[in-house]
């Protein structure tokens, strides 16, 4: 009887159920095949470039009623683009091809103290995201090292404009947001003013994460991307809301910034 069943399977008379992969797990496995470069910067660029033309979609993390990890590698905003590139790099760096490992690293990057505990536990301000990743030894904020300056600006945009954030639905969540804004503000913010970016361009490497600091009252950063060399000039590889896809900026970063009124300057973060 066993031999008859084996023969039936072998010749396709009986089919066994196949393991079903999600769309994002399939994309992860494809990205995981990318060979790392000789430096972290090379590796980040190789992974980031593989996302070129990926559609820009806003608010992909807001799809669930209760806060839970969202993995979406087929639709990206500027923040999730940088975050997923780093998570893919860190997964590959540990010689893992496990989607579960990728999800764990994504959780470590996205949530305060690696714990999902409601909307307030997500690292909404890019500055807090940077500081947690830096504490874990994943990146280093080199803004001050390459010519940046301390600013007097503080964050409070979310708590002051809570009506813009439908997920802030209760006092506990609002209190968490306010508490962490105060924590962020205990350490001053830094930036390189956009008028000075050209003068420090030679100190920026391909693969550095670039965050555009904001003119908005209470907001730290408007937009993020990754530095990439084009004809010996630093350009921005990013998920563009205006072009609705992941692209490389036509203009070098310094000139690109000149046309964005809401950007004051940049932060520069180096992957370790």
Protein backbone atom coordinates (compact mmCIF):
# COMPACT_ATOMS: atom_id res chain seq x y z
CA UNK A 1 0.00 0.00 0.00
CA UNK A 2 2.83 2.38 0.90
CA UNK A 3 4.55 1.62 -2.41
CA UNK A 4 1.32 2.39 -4.31
CA UNK A 5 0.95 5.77 -2.57
CA UNK A 6 4.62 6.61 -3.25
CA UNK A 7 4.18 5.76 -6.96
CA UNK A 8 1.04 7.89 -7.15
CA UNK A 9 2.89 10.86 -5.66
CA UNK A 10 5.91 10.29 -7.90
CA UNK A 11 3.83 10.31 -11.10
CA UNK A 12 1.61 13.20 -10.04
CA UNK A 13 -1.58 11.21 -9.54
CA UNK A 14 -1.70 12.47 -5.94
CA UNK A 15 -0.35 15.93 -5.14
CA UNK A 16 0.96 16.93 -1.72
CA UNK A 17 0.11 20.37 -0.28
CA UNK A 18 2.94 22.84 -0.83
CA UNK A 19 4.23 25.32 1.72
CA UNK A 20 2.59 28.67 0.98
CA UNK A 21 4.82 31.76 1.13
CA UNK A 22 3.44 35.23 1.57
CA UNK A 23 4.24 37.81 -1.11
CA UNK A 24 6.59 39.63 1.24
CA UNK A 25 8.37 36.45 2.30
CA UNK A 26 9.00 35.69 -1.37
CA UNK A 27 10.45 39.18 -1.88
CA UNK A 28 12.55 38.76 1.26
CA UNK A 29 14.03 35.49 -0.01
CA UNK A 30 14.88 37.16 -3.35
CA UNK A 31 16.57 40.10 -1.59
CA UNK A 32 18.38 37.73 0.75
CA UNK A 33 20.21 36.25 -2.27
CA UNK A 34 21.99 39.58 -2.85
CA UNK A 35 25.67 39.15 -2.03
CA UNK A 36 27.00 41.60 0.53
CA UNK A 37 29.70 44.02 -0.57
CA UNK A 38 33.13 44.33 1.01
CA UNK A 39 31.92 47.19 3.23
CA UNK A 40 28.60 47.98 4.96
CA UNK A 41 28.19 50.96 2.60
CA UNK A 42 28.50 48.77 -0.51
CA UNK A 43 26.04 46.29 0.93
CA UNK A 44 23.46 48.95 1.76
CA UNK A 45 23.66 50.36 -1.77
CA UNK A 46 23.26 46.93 -3.39
CA UNK A 47 20.16 46.20 -1.34
CA UNK A 48 18.72 49.71 -1.72
CA UNK A 49 19.15 49.72 -5.53
CA UNK A 50 17.21 46.46 -5.75
CA UNK A 51 14.13 48.47 -4.67
CA UNK A 52 14.33 50.98 -7.54
CA UNK A 53 10.90 51.52 -9.13
CA UNK A 54 9.12 49.98 -6.12
CA UNK A 55 5.85 51.91 -5.64
CA UNK A 56 5.63 54.64 -3.01
CA UNK A 57 2.61 54.12 -0.76
CA UNK A 58 1.97 56.16 2.37
CA UNK A 59 0.65 54.87 5.71
CA UNK A 60 1.36 51.18 5.06
CA UNK A 61 1.88 50.64 8.80
CA UNK A 62 -1.60 51.91 9.69
CA UNK A 63 -3.61 49.00 8.28
CA UNK A 64 -4.49 47.18 11.51
CA UNK A 65 -6.89 48.16 14.28
CA UNK A 66 -4.40 47.07 16.93
CA UNK A 67 -0.66 47.65 16.61
CA UNK A 68 1.23 44.71 15.14
CA UNK A 69 4.29 44.22 12.97
CA UNK A 70 3.65 45.03 9.31
CA UNK A 71 6.07 43.66 6.72
CA UNK A 72 5.48 45.24 3.32
CA UNK A 73 8.36 44.98 0.85
CA UNK A 74 6.28 45.70 -2.24
CA UNK A 75 5.06 49.17 -1.18
CA UNK A 76 7.26 51.66 0.65
CA UNK A 77 7.29 55.14 2.09
CA UNK A 78 10.57 56.95 2.76
CA UNK A 79 10.83 55.73 6.36
CA UNK A 80 9.97 52.08 5.66
CA UNK A 81 12.36 52.10 2.69
CA UNK A 82 15.36 52.95 4.89
CA UNK A 83 14.14 50.67 7.67
CA UNK A 84 13.64 47.63 5.44
CA UNK A 85 16.98 48.12 3.70
CA UNK A 86 18.74 48.15 7.07
CA UNK A 87 16.76 45.14 8.33
CA UNK A 88 17.63 43.16 5.18
CA UNK A 89 21.31 44.06 5.58
CA UNK A 90 21.36 43.06 9.26
CA UNK A 91 19.62 39.74 8.50
CA UNK A 92 22.10 38.94 5.74
CA UNK A 93 25.00 40.05 7.96
CA UNK A 94 24.09 37.37 10.52
CA UNK A 95 24.14 34.77 7.69
CA UNK A 96 20.43 34.12 8.05
CA UNK A 97 17.91 33.38 5.33
CA UNK A 98 15.07 33.23 7.85
CA UNK A 99 12.04 35.44 7.30
CA UNK A 100 11.35 35.13 11.04
CA UNK A 101 14.81 36.57 11.78
CA UNK A 102 14.10 39.45 9.40
CA UNK A 103 10.80 40.13 11.21
CA UNK A 104 12.56 40.07 14.56
CA UNK A 105 15.16 42.60 13.39
CA UNK A 106 12.43 44.79 11.91
CA UNK A 107 10.71 44.74 15.30
CA UNK A 108 13.99 45.72 16.99
CA UNK A 109 14.31 48.70 14.65
CA UNK A 110 10.70 49.86 14.68
CA UNK A 111 9.59 49.47 18.29
CA UNK A 112 10.88 50.94 21.51
CA UNK A 113 12.87 48.35 23.47
CA UNK A 114 11.91 45.68 20.88
CA UNK A 115 8.38 45.46 22.31
CA UNK A 116 5.10 45.98 20.46
CA UNK A 117 2.74 47.53 22.99
CA UNK A 118 0.25 49.69 21.16
CA UNK A 119 0.65 52.61 18.77
CA UNK A 120 2.76 54.57 21.24
CA UNK A 121 5.45 51.88 21.30
CA UNK A 122 6.37 52.53 17.67
CA UNK A 123 9.31 54.89 17.07
CA UNK A 124 7.44 57.61 15.22
CA UNK A 125 10.14 60.29 15.36
CA UNK A 126 13.13 59.47 13.17
CA UNK A 127 15.47 60.89 15.81
CA UNK A 128 14.33 58.30 18.34
CA UNK A 129 14.64 55.57 15.69
CA UNK A 130 18.24 56.69 15.06
CA UNK A 131 19.14 56.75 18.74
CA UNK A 132 17.79 53.26 19.38
CA UNK A 133 19.57 51.84 16.31
CA UNK A 134 22.74 53.62 17.39
CA UNK A 135 22.48 52.17 20.89
CA UNK A 136 22.26 48.69 19.37
CA UNK A 137 25.42 49.34 17.36
CA UNK A 138 23.70 49.24 13.95
CA UNK A 139 24.44 52.81 12.87
CA UNK A 140 26.31 55.91 14.01
CA UNK A 141 25.11 59.50 13.85
CA UNK A 142 28.07 61.32 12.26
CA UNK A 143 26.28 64.64 11.73
CA UNK A 144 28.40 66.60 14.21
CA UNK A 145 31.63 64.88 13.14
CA UNK A 146 31.36 66.10 9.55
CA UNK A 147 30.38 69.69 10.19
CA UNK A 148 26.94 69.70 11.77
CA UNK A 149 25.76 71.89 14.61
CA UNK A 150 23.50 71.54 17.63
CA UNK A 151 20.04 73.08 17.25
CA UNK A 152 17.65 74.36 19.88
CA UNK A 153 14.65 72.72 18.26
CA UNK A 154 12.47 70.32 20.26
CA UNK A 155 9.91 67.74 19.11
CA UNK A 156 6.22 67.90 20.04
CA UNK A 157 4.43 67.76 16.69
CA UNK A 158 2.46 64.57 17.39
CA UNK A 159 1.13 65.58 20.79
CA UNK A 160 0.20 69.09 19.65
CA UNK A 161 -1.40 67.84 16.42
CA UNK A 162 -2.94 64.62 17.68
CA UNK A 163 -6.00 65.03 15.44
CA UNK A 164 -3.70 64.29 12.50
CA UNK A 165 -2.98 60.86 14.01
CA UNK A 166 -6.20 58.77 14.16
CA UNK A 167 -4.42 56.03 16.13
CA UNK A 168 -4.00 58.35 19.13
CA UNK A 169 -7.38 57.33 20.49
CA UNK A 170 -6.90 57.31 24.27
CA UNK A 171 -5.12 59.12 27.08
CA UNK A 172 -2.64 56.29 27.63
CA UNK A 173 -1.37 56.48 24.06
CA UNK A 174 -1.17 60.28 24.19
CA UNK A 175 0.71 60.13 27.50
CA UNK A 176 3.20 57.68 25.96
CA UNK A 177 3.75 60.00 23.00
CA UNK A 178 4.30 63.02 25.30
CA UNK A 179 6.61 61.04 27.59
CA UNK A 180 8.84 60.01 24.71
CA UNK A 181 8.86 63.47 23.15
CA UNK A 182 10.23 64.73 26.48
CA UNK A 183 12.82 61.95 26.48
CA UNK A 184 13.95 62.84 22.95
CA UNK A 185 14.27 66.49 23.98
CA UNK A 186 16.67 65.69 26.82
CA UNK A 187 19.38 65.36 24.18
CA UNK A 188 19.73 68.21 21.65
CA UNK A 189 19.10 67.65 17.95
CA UNK A 190 21.81 68.27 15.38
CA UNK A 191 21.88 69.05 11.68
CA UNK A 192 23.97 70.30 8.79
CA UNK A 193 22.24 73.34 7.32
CA UNK A 194 21.38 72.79 3.67
CA UNK A 195 23.48 75.79 2.60
CA UNK A 196 26.52 73.90 3.96
CA UNK A 197 25.81 70.47 2.51
CA UNK A 198 27.91 71.07 -0.61
CA UNK A 199 30.93 71.93 1.53
CA UNK A 200 30.75 68.61 3.45
CA UNK A 201 29.68 66.44 0.52
CA UNK A 202 33.09 64.74 0.31
CA UNK A 203 32.60 63.46 3.87
CA UNK A 204 29.34 61.70 3.01
CA UNK A 205 29.68 58.10 1.79
CA UNK A 206 27.50 56.01 -0.45
CA UNK A 207 25.20 54.02 1.79
CA UNK A 208 24.91 56.70 4.49
CA UNK A 209 21.34 57.31 5.62
CA UNK A 210 20.27 60.92 5.07
CA UNK A 211 17.45 62.55 7.05
CA UNK A 212 16.07 65.94 6.02
CA UNK A 213 15.43 68.14 9.04
CA UNK A 214 12.17 70.06 9.08
CA UNK A 215 10.96 73.66 9.20
CA UNK A 216 7.73 72.44 10.82
CA UNK A 217 7.34 73.48 14.43
CA UNK A 218 7.87 70.44 16.68
CA UNK A 219 8.93 68.06 13.88
CA UNK A 220 12.45 66.66 13.58
CA UNK A 221 12.58 65.20 10.06
CA UNK A 222 10.42 65.43 6.94
CA UNK A 223 12.02 62.83 4.71
CA UNK A 224 14.75 60.18 4.66
CA UNK A 225 16.79 58.40 2.01
CA UNK A 226 20.19 56.92 1.24
CA UNK A 227 23.27 58.61 -0.22
CA UNK A 228 24.45 57.30 -3.59
CA UNK A 229 27.21 58.43 -5.93
CA UNK A 230 26.30 59.53 -9.45
CA UNK A 231 29.13 60.99 -11.57
CA UNK A 232 31.18 61.58 -8.40
CA UNK A 233 28.40 63.58 -6.73
CA UNK A 234 26.21 62.51 -3.82
CA UNK A 235 22.58 62.05 -4.86
CA UNK A 236 19.60 60.74 -2.90
CA UNK A 237 18.20 57.22 -3.34
CA UNK A 238 14.75 57.42 -1.79
CA UNK A 239 11.07 56.56 -1.88
CA UNK A 240 9.65 59.70 -3.48
CA UNK A 241 6.12 60.81 -2.60
CA UNK A 242 5.96 63.08 -5.66
CA UNK A 243 7.22 60.48 -8.17
CA UNK A 244 5.37 57.66 -6.38
CA UNK A 245 8.27 55.21 -6.48
CA UNK A 246 11.82 54.55 -5.31
CA UNK A 247 14.18 56.67 -7.41
CA UNK A 248 17.57 58.34 -7.50
CA UNK A 249 17.31 62.13 -7.42
CA UNK A 250 18.12 63.82 -10.72
CA UNK A 251 20.04 66.57 -8.94
CA UNK A 252 22.90 66.09 -6.46
CA UNK A 253 21.78 66.19 -2.83
CA UNK A 254 22.97 69.77 -2.21
CA UNK A 255 21.00 71.10 -5.21
CA UNK A 256 18.03 68.84 -4.49
CA UNK A 257 17.71 70.37 -1.02
CA UNK A 258 17.69 73.91 -2.40
CA UNK A 259 14.32 73.22 -4.03
CA UNK A 260 12.64 71.87 -0.88
CA UNK A 261 11.43 74.78 1.26
CA UNK A 262 10.30 72.60 4.17
CA UNK A 263 13.82 71.16 4.62
CA UNK A 264 16.28 73.02 6.85
CA UNK A 265 19.22 70.68 6.54
CA UNK A 266 20.27 67.05 6.99
CA UNK A 267 21.36 64.45 9.50
CA UNK A 268 23.88 61.82 8.32
CA UNK A 269 23.89 58.29 9.73
CA UNK A 270 26.53 55.69 8.88
CA UNK A 271 25.77 51.96 8.91
CA UNK A 272 28.28 49.93 10.94
